[in-house]
């Protein structure tokens, strides 16, 4: 995860002198400055400034190699760069450890400041949104908010909308059923920019790579069990494995629900959280393609819903517009959105455990802390 607007003085990863020969191999002779870009949970990213321009050097983490093939990652990166949806990939080292790409200076987006309770009052017309909202400009990563499937369902219910069966139906409360949903008509709002990106991404060629949600679950699960059997891992790690083992019936049900509404896989970035999106000239660009592949269309929607601070009305509009006449899912797909959100957080927990198993003890504790952050976001009821 990367926020290119949060550059800090060069400090970590590899030494300045160690990076200079790498940059020379990439064709950058006159380096004016190197700044580490904050936000990464695994790979290190650096902003490189030269007399002719700015670039990003990414140093790939060895542990991340177990989650992706670099050839696949580069294939999709180059495909999105060609479609003007990603910065250009300029150079790759022979050992695939280093990537050099264009630096995109991400801009600001206008945002309204309001608490959850205040947003609910605005959505229900209790207070006037134009009178209440205080505008400010923020960087895209500031839109980050962790949202569970339960949060999503609760928000939709607050609008008088229930995702059930093959349609969105109004609640039985007649006041809610008659209340119009206030849509955000501003063309450069976060929700509209995200929808535009989602619709563009789903039209991209899938390539020869693909994995289903069920296959991804099974792959992560087998890796976890293999580490459990072969490595002398800590009690803290094993305790968290036991938690995942305890929800396997739920995970299977969510995977089955998602498989039932799938017609055909589409291209999926699979990690469209706010730190992997850059805003320039009122359009979004993607970075970090380690998880990109052909997969379930709800993968894309679920990540956006799970990681962006959107109002219930914005979420509803995003779901409705994205799934409207979607060629690769059935009309029942709307009912599987909560399952897709749950699976996003399930995969996040697997990722944290697998990264913890492959890193030194001091760093491993950080990944276990990420597991503890993600775990409460998974629906626990049987």
Protein backbone atom coordinates (compact mmCIF):
# COMPACT_ATOMS: atom_id res chain seq x y z
CA UNK A 1 0.00 0.00 0.00
CA UNK A 2 1.49 3.30 -1.08
CA UNK A 3 0.73 6.97 -0.57
CA UNK A 4 2.96 8.92 -2.94
CA UNK A 5 1.99 12.19 -1.28
CA UNK A 6 3.48 11.16 2.04
CA UNK A 7 7.17 11.26 1.11
CA UNK A 8 9.55 11.41 4.02
CA UNK A 9 13.33 11.95 4.09
CA UNK A 10 15.27 8.88 3.08
CA UNK A 11 15.53 6.66 6.12
CA UNK A 12 14.97 2.94 5.74
CA UNK A 13 15.04 -0.10 3.48
CA UNK A 14 18.35 0.05 1.63
CA UNK A 15 21.09 2.66 2.07
CA UNK A 16 21.39 5.64 -0.26
CA UNK A 17 24.74 4.38 -1.56
CA UNK A 18 23.33 0.90 -2.14
CA UNK A 19 20.53 2.30 -4.30
CA UNK A 20 22.73 4.47 -6.52
CA UNK A 21 24.21 1.55 -8.52
CA UNK A 22 20.70 0.16 -8.99
CA UNK A 23 19.48 3.50 -10.29
CA UNK A 24 22.49 3.74 -12.61
CA UNK A 25 21.58 0.35 -14.08
CA UNK A 26 18.09 1.75 -14.63
CA UNK A 27 19.57 4.65 -16.59
CA UNK A 28 19.38 7.34 -13.89
CA UNK A 29 22.83 8.92 -13.63
CA UNK A 30 22.22 12.23 -11.85
CA UNK A 31 20.15 11.56 -8.74
CA UNK A 32 19.27 14.71 -6.82
CA UNK A 33 17.32 13.10 -3.98
CA UNK A 34 15.84 9.86 -2.70
CA UNK A 35 12.79 9.92 -0.42
CA UNK A 36 11.08 6.87 1.02
CA UNK A 37 7.37 6.84 0.26
CA UNK A 38 5.31 5.83 3.29
CA UNK A 39 2.37 3.48 3.45
CA UNK A 40 3.89 0.18 2.26
CA UNK A 41 3.10 -2.92 4.31
CA UNK A 42 5.60 -5.14 2.50
CA UNK A 43 7.52 -3.60 -0.42
CA UNK A 44 9.67 -0.46 -0.09
CA UNK A 45 9.03 2.47 -2.47
CA UNK A 46 11.24 5.48 -3.07
CA UNK A 47 10.70 8.74 -4.92
CA UNK A 48 13.73 9.42 -7.09
CA UNK A 49 14.30 13.01 -8.25
CA UNK A 50 16.63 13.77 -11.17
CA UNK A 51 17.20 16.89 -13.29
CA UNK A 52 14.80 15.57 -15.94
CA UNK A 53 11.98 14.19 -13.81
CA UNK A 54 10.72 12.11 -10.89
CA UNK A 55 10.39 8.35 -10.67
CA UNK A 56 9.41 5.61 -8.23
CA UNK A 57 11.81 2.80 -7.40
CA UNK A 58 10.11 -0.18 -5.81
CA UNK A 59 12.11 -2.77 -3.92
CA UNK A 60 10.12 -5.99 -3.85
CA UNK A 61 9.89 -7.87 -0.56
CA UNK A 62 10.97 -11.50 -0.76
CA UNK A 63 7.99 -12.61 1.34
CA UNK A 64 5.58 -11.12 -1.21
CA UNK A 65 6.88 -13.49 -3.88
CA UNK A 66 4.72 -16.26 -2.42
CA UNK A 67 1.57 -14.25 -3.27
CA UNK A 68 2.28 -13.48 -6.91
CA UNK A 69 4.41 -14.20 -9.93
CA UNK A 70 6.34 -11.14 -11.03
CA UNK A 71 5.70 -11.96 -14.68
CA UNK A 72 1.95 -11.85 -14.06
CA UNK A 73 2.25 -8.63 -12.08
CA UNK A 74 4.19 -6.92 -14.88
CA UNK A 75 1.75 -8.15 -17.53
CA UNK A 76 -1.18 -6.42 -15.87
CA UNK A 77 0.84 -3.34 -14.90
CA UNK A 78 1.83 -2.80 -18.52
CA UNK A 79 -1.72 -3.46 -19.71
CA UNK A 80 -3.13 -0.81 -17.36
CA UNK A 81 -0.36 1.65 -18.23
CA UNK A 82 -1.26 1.25 -21.90
CA UNK A 83 -4.89 1.99 -20.99
CA UNK A 84 -3.77 5.14 -19.11
CA UNK A 85 -4.90 3.64 -15.81
CA UNK A 86 -1.45 3.21 -14.25
CA UNK A 87 1.97 4.90 -14.30
CA UNK A 88 4.36 3.57 -16.95
CA UNK A 89 6.70 0.74 -15.90
CA UNK A 90 10.08 1.87 -17.24
CA UNK A 91 12.62 -0.72 -16.08
CA UNK A 92 12.85 -4.07 -14.28
CA UNK A 93 16.07 -5.49 -12.86
CA UNK A 94 17.23 -8.89 -14.06
CA UNK A 95 16.53 -10.46 -10.67
CA UNK A 96 13.02 -8.83 -10.58
CA UNK A 97 13.80 -7.22 -7.23
CA UNK A 98 13.63 -3.63 -8.48
CA UNK A 99 11.00 -1.81 -10.56
CA UNK A 100 11.31 1.74 -11.89
CA UNK A 101 8.16 3.58 -12.91
CA UNK A 102 6.91 7.09 -13.60
CA UNK A 103 6.04 9.17 -10.55
CA UNK A 104 2.50 10.55 -10.55
CA UNK A 105 1.92 13.52 -8.28
CA UNK A 106 -1.45 12.66 -6.77
CA UNK A 107 -3.82 15.59 -6.33
CA UNK A 108 -6.42 16.50 -3.74
CA UNK A 109 -10.11 15.71 -3.58
CA UNK A 110 -12.80 17.77 -1.92
CA UNK A 111 -14.27 16.02 1.10
CA UNK A 112 -17.01 16.77 3.60
CA UNK A 113 -16.17 16.39 7.27
CA UNK A 114 -18.89 14.59 9.21
CA UNK A 115 -19.17 11.87 11.82
CA UNK A 116 -21.08 8.65 11.20
CA UNK A 117 -24.09 9.91 13.17
CA UNK A 118 -24.03 13.21 11.31
CA UNK A 119 -23.90 11.42 7.95
CA UNK A 120 -26.95 9.38 8.98
CA UNK A 121 -28.81 12.60 9.82
CA UNK A 122 -27.85 14.06 6.45
CA UNK A 123 -28.95 10.92 4.57
CA UNK A 124 -32.35 11.01 6.31
CA UNK A 125 -32.83 14.71 5.62
CA UNK A 126 -32.84 15.49 9.35
CA UNK A 127 -30.33 18.27 8.72
CA UNK A 128 -29.58 20.06 5.48
CA UNK A 129 -26.36 18.78 3.92
CA UNK A 130 -25.52 22.05 2.15
CA UNK A 131 -25.86 24.01 5.37
CA UNK A 132 -23.98 21.49 7.48
CA UNK A 133 -21.05 20.29 5.42
CA UNK A 134 -17.65 21.91 5.91
CA UNK A 135 -15.48 21.39 2.85
CA UNK A 136 -11.81 20.53 2.93
CA UNK A 137 -9.32 19.10 0.45
CA UNK A 138 -7.58 15.85 1.30
CA UNK A 139 -5.27 13.32 -0.30
CA UNK A 140 -6.97 10.16 -1.55
CA UNK A 141 -5.52 7.86 1.16
CA UNK A 142 -7.29 10.00 3.77
CA UNK A 143 -10.50 8.39 2.49
CA UNK A 144 -9.42 5.10 4.07
CA UNK A 145 -11.97 3.51 6.42
CA UNK A 146 -12.37 -0.13 7.32
CA UNK A 147 -15.92 -1.32 6.66
CA UNK A 148 -17.22 -4.78 7.48
CA UNK A 149 -20.03 -6.62 5.74
CA UNK A 150 -22.20 -5.92 8.80
CA UNK A 151 -21.42 -2.18 8.53
CA UNK A 152 -22.39 -2.24 4.85
CA UNK A 153 -25.70 -4.04 5.48
CA UNK A 154 -26.52 -1.72 8.39
CA UNK A 155 -25.86 1.32 6.22
CA UNK A 156 -28.11 0.04 3.45
CA UNK A 157 -30.84 -0.76 5.95
CA UNK A 158 -30.63 2.82 7.26
CA UNK A 159 -31.58 3.97 3.75
CA UNK A 160 -34.53 1.65 3.61
CA UNK A 161 -32.66 -0.72 1.31
CA UNK A 162 -32.10 -4.40 1.95
CA UNK A 163 -29.94 -6.49 -0.36
CA UNK A 164 -31.96 -9.68 -0.52
CA UNK A 165 -32.60 -12.30 -3.16
CA UNK A 166 -32.38 -11.01 -6.71
CA UNK A 167 -33.25 -7.37 -6.11
CA UNK A 168 -32.82 -4.42 -3.78
CA UNK A 169 -36.01 -4.17 -1.77
CA UNK A 170 -37.34 -1.48 0.52
CA UNK A 171 -37.69 -2.08 4.24
CA UNK A 172 -41.16 -2.54 5.66
CA UNK A 173 -41.03 0.88 7.34
CA UNK A 174 -43.25 3.00 5.05
CA UNK A 175 -41.40 6.24 5.83
CA UNK A 176 -38.11 4.71 4.70
CA UNK A 177 -39.71 3.09 1.68
CA UNK A 178 -40.99 6.43 0.42
CA UNK A 179 -37.83 8.40 1.18
CA UNK A 180 -35.76 9.18 -1.95
CA UNK A 181 -32.05 8.38 -1.78
CA UNK A 182 -29.95 11.51 -2.15
CA UNK A 183 -27.36 10.74 -4.84
CA UNK A 184 -24.04 12.55 -5.09
CA UNK A 185 -24.23 14.26 -8.46
CA UNK A 186 -20.84 15.96 -8.27
CA UNK A 187 -18.85 14.42 -11.18
CA UNK A 188 -15.57 14.51 -9.26
CA UNK A 189 -16.86 12.99 -6.02
CA UNK A 190 -15.00 9.98 -4.64
CA UNK A 191 -17.89 7.63 -5.41
CA UNK A 192 -18.18 8.78 -9.03
CA UNK A 193 -14.43 8.57 -9.60
CA UNK A 194 -14.39 5.05 -8.14
CA UNK A 195 -17.34 3.98 -10.29
CA UNK A 196 -15.66 5.33 -13.43
CA UNK A 197 -12.51 3.37 -12.60
CA UNK A 198 -14.42 0.15 -11.83
CA UNK A 199 -16.28 0.33 -15.13
CA UNK A 200 -13.04 0.93 -17.04
CA UNK A 201 -11.24 -1.95 -15.34
CA UNK A 202 -13.96 -4.49 -16.04
CA UNK A 203 -13.56 -3.87 -19.79
CA UNK A 204 -9.86 -4.81 -19.83
CA UNK A 205 -8.66 -8.12 -21.34
CA UNK A 206 -8.19 -10.84 -18.74
CA UNK A 207 -5.03 -12.37 -20.15
CA UNK A 208 -4.10 -15.97 -19.44
CA UNK A 209 -4.10 -15.69 -15.65
CA UNK A 210 -7.11 -16.50 -13.46
CA UNK A 211 -8.06 -17.65 -9.98
CA UNK A 212 -11.48 -18.03 -8.40
CA UNK A 213 -12.30 -16.88 -4.89
CA UNK A 214 -12.60 -20.52 -3.80
CA UNK A 215 -9.23 -21.37 -5.35
CA UNK A 216 -7.61 -18.39 -3.67
CA UNK A 217 -9.01 -19.44 -0.30
CA UNK A 218 -7.74 -23.00 -0.78
CA UNK A 219 -4.31 -21.80 -1.90
CA UNK A 220 -3.85 -19.50 1.09
CA UNK A 221 -5.19 -22.16 3.44
CA UNK A 222 -2.81 -24.83 2.19
CA UNK A 223 0.15 -22.44 2.49
CA UNK A 224 -0.86 -21.69 6.07
CA UNK A 225 -1.14 -25.38 6.96
CA UNK A 226 2.23 -26.09 5.32
CA UNK A 227 3.92 -23.43 7.46
CA UNK A 228 2.15 -24.77 10.53
CA UNK A 229 3.49 -28.27 9.85
CA UNK A 230 7.05 -27.37 8.88
CA UNK A 231 8.07 -24.32 10.90
CA UNK A 232 8.54 -23.80 14.62
CA UNK A 233 6.25 -20.79 14.77
CA UNK A 234 5.23 -18.86 17.86
CA UNK A 235 2.23 -19.52 20.06
CA UNK A 236 0.84 -16.13 19.01
CA UNK A 237 0.91 -17.20 15.36
CA UNK A 238 -0.70 -20.59 16.09
CA UNK A 239 -3.43 -18.93 18.16
CA UNK A 240 -4.46 -16.87 15.16
CA UNK A 241 -4.37 -19.89 12.86
CA UNK A 242 -6.89 -21.51 15.19
CA UNK A 243 -9.20 -18.53 14.72
CA UNK A 244 -9.20 -18.97 10.95
CA UNK A 245 -9.72 -22.71 11.28
CA UNK A 246 -12.79 -21.97 13.39
CA UNK A 247 -14.63 -20.11 10.61
CA UNK A 248 -13.99 -22.47 7.69
CA UNK A 249 -17.69 -23.40 7.39
CA UNK A 250 -18.58 -19.72 7.04
CA UNK A 251 -15.82 -19.20 4.49
CA UNK A 252 -17.13 -22.10 2.40
CA UNK A 253 -20.66 -20.65 2.47
CA UNK A 254 -19.37 -17.23 1.32
CA UNK A 255 -17.37 -18.83 -1.48
CA UNK A 256 -20.40 -20.88 -2.56
CA UNK A 257 -22.61 -17.75 -2.60
CA UNK A 258 -20.09 -15.95 -4.79
CA UNK A 259 -19.61 -18.90 -7.14
CA UNK A 260 -23.39 -19.19 -7.58
CA UNK A 261 -23.73 -15.68 -9.05
CA UNK A 262 -20.69 -15.81 -11.34
CA UNK A 263 -21.12 -16.05 -15.10
CA UNK A 264 -17.56 -15.30 -16.20
CA UNK A 265 -14.35 -13.92 -14.58
CA UNK A 266 -13.15 -10.42 -15.44
CA UNK A 267 -9.91 -8.51 -14.89
CA UNK A 268 -9.54 -7.66 -11.18
CA UNK A 269 -6.87 -5.56 -9.50
CA UNK A 270 -8.05 -7.09 -6.18
CA UNK A 271 -6.49 -4.47 -3.91
CA UNK A 272 -8.10 -1.14 -4.80
CA UNK A 273 -7.67 0.32 -1.33
CA UNK A 274 -7.07 4.10 -1.07
CA UNK A 275 -3.28 3.69 -0.81
CA UNK A 276 -3.16 1.98 -4.21
CA UNK A 277 -4.99 4.79 -6.03
CA UNK A 278 -3.60 8.09 -7.31
CA UNK A 279 -5.74 11.06 -8.36
CA UNK A 280 -4.57 13.27 -11.21
CA UNK A 281 -6.61 15.54 -13.50
CA UNK A 282 -9.88 14.19 -12.06
CA UNK A 283 -9.16 10.55 -12.85
CA UNK A 284 -7.80 7.66 -10.82
CA UNK A 285 -4.67 5.64 -11.54
CA UNK A 286 -3.83 2.25 -10.00
CA UNK A 287 -0.56 1.05 -8.53
CA UNK A 288 0.59 -2.26 -6.99
CA UNK A 289 -0.45 -5.18 -9.19
CA UNK A 290 0.80 -8.11 -7.10
CA UNK A 291 -2.71 -9.56 -6.80
CA UNK A 292 -4.05 -8.64 -10.26
CA UNK A 293 -5.65 -11.48 -12.22
CA UNK A 294 -8.91 -12.58 -13.77
CA UNK A 295 -11.37 -13.34 -10.99
CA UNK A 296 -14.86 -12.66 -9.63
CA UNK A 297 -16.27 -9.20 -10.52
CA UNK A 298 -17.39 -8.67 -6.91
CA UNK A 299 -13.71 -8.76 -5.83
CA UNK A 300 -13.27 -5.22 -7.16
CA UNK A 301 -16.48 -3.87 -5.69
CA UNK A 302 -15.86 -5.46 -2.29
CA UNK A 303 -12.41 -3.92 -1.83
CA UNK A 304 -13.70 -0.43 -2.59
CA UNK A 305 -16.65 -0.83 -0.21
CA UNK A 306 -14.45 -2.34 2.51
CA UNK A 307 -11.69 0.28 2.46
CA UNK A 308 -13.17 3.66 1.41
CA UNK A 309 -15.07 6.12 3.60
CA UNK A 310 -18.29 6.27 1.58
CA UNK A 311 -21.73 7.19 2.85
CA UNK A 312 -24.46 4.52 2.69
CA UNK A 313 -26.02 6.39 -0.25
CA UNK A 314 -22.69 6.44 -2.09
CA UNK A 315 -22.25 2.73 -1.41
CA UNK A 316 -25.74 2.03 -2.71
CA UNK A 317 -25.14 4.06 -5.87
CA UNK A 318 -21.80 2.32 -6.46
CA UNK A 319 -23.32 -1.15 -6.07
CA UNK A 320 -26.34 -0.30 -8.22
CA UNK A 321 -24.40 1.28 -11.07
CA UNK A 322 -21.59 -1.30 -11.07
CA UNK A 323 -23.95 -4.28 -11.14
CA UNK A 324 -26.52 -2.74 -13.48
CA UNK A 325 -26.56 -5.02 -16.54
CA UNK A 326 -23.16 -6.40 -15.56
CA UNK A 327 -22.34 -9.01 -18.22
CA UNK A 328 -20.38 -11.37 -15.97
CA UNK A 329 -22.66 -11.87 -12.93
CA UNK A 330 -26.28 -12.86 -12.47
CA UNK A 331 -29.01 -10.57 -11.15
CA UNK A 332 -28.55 -12.33 -7.79
CA UNK A 333 -25.04 -10.86 -7.41
CA UNK A 334 -26.25 -7.95 -5.26
CA UNK A 335 -27.16 -10.39 -2.49
CA UNK A 336 -23.57 -11.73 -2.50
CA UNK A 337 -21.93 -8.33 -1.90
CA UNK A 338 -21.68 -8.89 1.90
CA UNK A 339 -20.04 -12.29 1.26
CA UNK A 340 -17.50 -10.61 -1.03
CA UNK A 341 -16.66 -8.06 1.67
CA UNK A 342 -16.24 -10.84 4.23
CA UNK A 343 -13.90 -12.72 1.87
CA UNK A 344 -11.78 -9.60 1.39
CA UNK A 345 -11.13 -9.48 5.14
CA UNK A 346 -10.62 -13.26 5.28
CA UNK A 347 -7.91 -12.96 2.64
CA UNK A 348 -6.39 -10.03 4.54
CA UNK A 349 -6.09 -12.26 7.63
CA UNK A 350 -4.47 -15.07 5.63
CA UNK A 351 -2.06 -12.54 4.10
CA UNK A 352 -1.04 -11.25 7.53
CA UNK A 353 -0.36 -14.76 8.83
CA UNK A 354 1.59 -15.85 5.77
CA UNK A 355 3.71 -12.69 5.83
CA UNK A 356 4.35 -13.19 9.56
CA UNK A 357 5.52 -16.76 8.93
CA UNK A 358 8.12 -15.61 6.38
CA UNK A 359 9.67 -12.62 8.14
CA UNK A 360 12.04 -12.11 11.06
CA UNK A 361 10.47 -12.07 14.55
CA UNK A 362 10.67 -8.28 14.99
CA UNK A 363 8.71 -7.70 11.76
CA UNK A 364 6.47 -10.72 12.29
CA UNK A 365 4.83 -9.02 15.27
CA UNK A 366 3.72 -6.18 12.98
CA UNK A 367 1.92 -8.60 10.67
CA UNK A 368 0.23 -10.31 13.61
CA UNK A 369 -0.99 -6.87 14.68
CA UNK A 370 -2.48 -6.44 11.20
CA UNK A 371 -4.27 -9.77 11.64
CA UNK A 372 -5.75 -8.45 14.89
CA UNK A 373 -6.92 -5.35 13.02
CA UNK A 374 -8.59 -7.34 10.24
CA UNK A 375 -10.10 -10.17 12.27
CA UNK A 376 -12.97 -8.24 13.95
CA UNK A 377 -14.15 -7.14 10.47
CA UNK A 378 -15.09 -10.72 9.53
CA UNK A 379 -18.67 -11.82 10.25
CA UNK A 380 -18.39 -14.35 13.06
CA UNK A 381 -21.97 -15.64 13.34
CA UNK A 382 -22.62 -19.14 12.01
